[in-house]
Protein backbone atom coordinates (compact mmCIF):
# COMPACT_ATOMS: atom_id res chain seq x y z
CA MET A 1 12.42 0.08 35.61
CA ILE A 2 11.28 0.15 32.01
CA SER A 3 13.82 -1.20 29.55
CA TYR A 4 14.31 -0.27 25.92
CA LEU A 5 12.63 -3.51 24.87
CA ASP A 6 9.51 -2.56 26.82
CA ILE A 7 9.41 0.85 25.15
CA MET A 8 9.82 -0.76 21.72
CA LEU A 9 7.03 -3.21 22.54
CA TYR A 10 4.66 -0.38 23.53
CA VAL A 11 5.52 1.53 20.35
CA GLN A 12 4.85 -1.57 18.24
CA ILE A 13 1.49 -2.08 19.93
CA ALA A 14 0.54 1.57 19.36
CA LEU A 15 1.51 1.31 15.69
CA SER A 16 -0.56 -1.86 15.43
CA GLY A 17 -3.55 0.12 16.63
CA ILE A 18 -2.97 2.69 13.89
CA CYS A 19 -2.80 -0.12 11.32
CA MET A 20 -6.05 -1.56 12.63
CA TYR A 21 -7.66 1.83 11.99
CA ARG A 22 -6.38 1.73 8.38
CA ILE A 23 -7.67 -1.83 7.95
CA ILE A 24 -11.14 -0.95 9.24
CA ARG A 25 -11.52 2.51 7.64
CA GLY A 26 -9.46 2.07 4.47
CA PRO A 27 -11.25 3.60 1.51
CA THR A 28 -10.23 0.86 -0.95
CA ILE A 29 -9.32 -2.80 -0.80
CA PRO A 30 -5.65 -2.20 -1.70
CA ASP A 31 -5.38 0.31 1.17
CA ARG A 32 -6.75 -2.29 3.54
CA MET A 33 -4.33 -4.90 2.20
CA VAL A 34 -1.38 -2.58 2.75
CA GLY A 35 -2.62 -2.10 6.32
CA ILE A 36 -2.80 -5.86 6.78
CA ASP A 37 0.75 -6.27 5.44
CA ILE A 38 2.12 -3.62 7.78
CA PHE A 39 0.18 -5.14 10.67
CA GLY A 40 1.79 -8.51 9.88
CA ILE A 41 5.25 -6.96 9.94
CA LEU A 42 4.49 -5.32 13.29
CA VAL A 43 3.26 -8.64 14.71
CA VAL A 44 6.54 -10.27 13.71
CA GLY A 45 8.39 -7.42 15.44
CA ILE A 46 6.29 -7.94 18.56
CA CYS A 47 7.05 -11.67 18.44
CA ALA A 48 10.76 -10.92 18.15
CA ILE A 49 10.70 -8.56 21.14
CA ILE A 50 8.76 -11.04 23.26
CA ALA A 51 11.14 -13.84 22.22
CA ILE A 52 14.13 -11.74 23.32
CA GLU A 53 12.53 -10.80 26.64
CA THR A 54 11.36 -14.31 27.54
CA GLU A 55 14.26 -16.19 25.88
CA LYS A 56 11.81 -18.60 24.22
CA SER A 57 12.76 -19.19 20.60
CA TYR A 58 9.53 -20.90 19.55
CA ILE A 59 7.84 -17.50 19.50
CA LEU A 60 9.99 -16.61 16.49
CA ASP A 61 8.52 -19.63 14.69
CA ILE A 62 5.07 -18.13 15.20
CA GLY A 63 6.29 -14.88 13.66
CA ILE A 64 7.81 -16.67 10.67
CA ALA A 65 4.59 -18.62 10.05
CA TRP A 66 2.60 -15.37 10.31
CA ILE A 67 4.74 -13.58 7.72
CA ILE A 68 4.60 -16.52 5.28
CA LEU A 69 0.80 -16.58 5.47
CA SER A 70 0.70 -12.81 5.03
CA PHE A 71 2.88 -13.06 1.92
CA ILE A 72 0.66 -15.76 0.41
CA GLY A 73 -2.42 -13.65 1.12
CA THR A 74 -0.85 -10.63 -0.55
CA LEU A 75 -0.01 -12.64 -3.67
CA THR A 76 -3.53 -14.06 -3.79
CA LEU A 77 -5.15 -10.63 -3.49
CA ALA A 78 -2.81 -9.18 -6.14
CA LYS A 79 -3.79 -11.92 -8.59
CA TYR A 80 -7.47 -11.43 -7.78
CA LEU A 81 -7.30 -7.66 -8.29
CA SER A 82 -5.46 -8.12 -11.60
CA GLY A 83 -8.38 -10.22 -12.88
CA LYS A 84 -6.57 -13.53 -13.09
CA LYS A 85 -7.64 -16.80 -11.58
CA ILE A 86 -5.63 -18.06 -8.63
CA ASN A 87 -4.33 -21.16 -10.45
CA GLU A 88 -3.05 -19.21 -13.49
């Protein structure tokens, strides 16, 4: 029998596919970056669902590391698009 967690996992995977379309076909770089940010959030959600289903907490650490790297990448791109150097 399919549980609610399985349904949520399938929905998250489907939404990830939609985000991948936005990343590949985005008309501008900021649109692609927004797609990457949303994809990162969905990956953390997938990690959380898998951690709940398997009862392995180290999967949450992977999700936390992913979201930290995504945040740093977003800040770096924002500084680059504003015309500033990264170390300013």
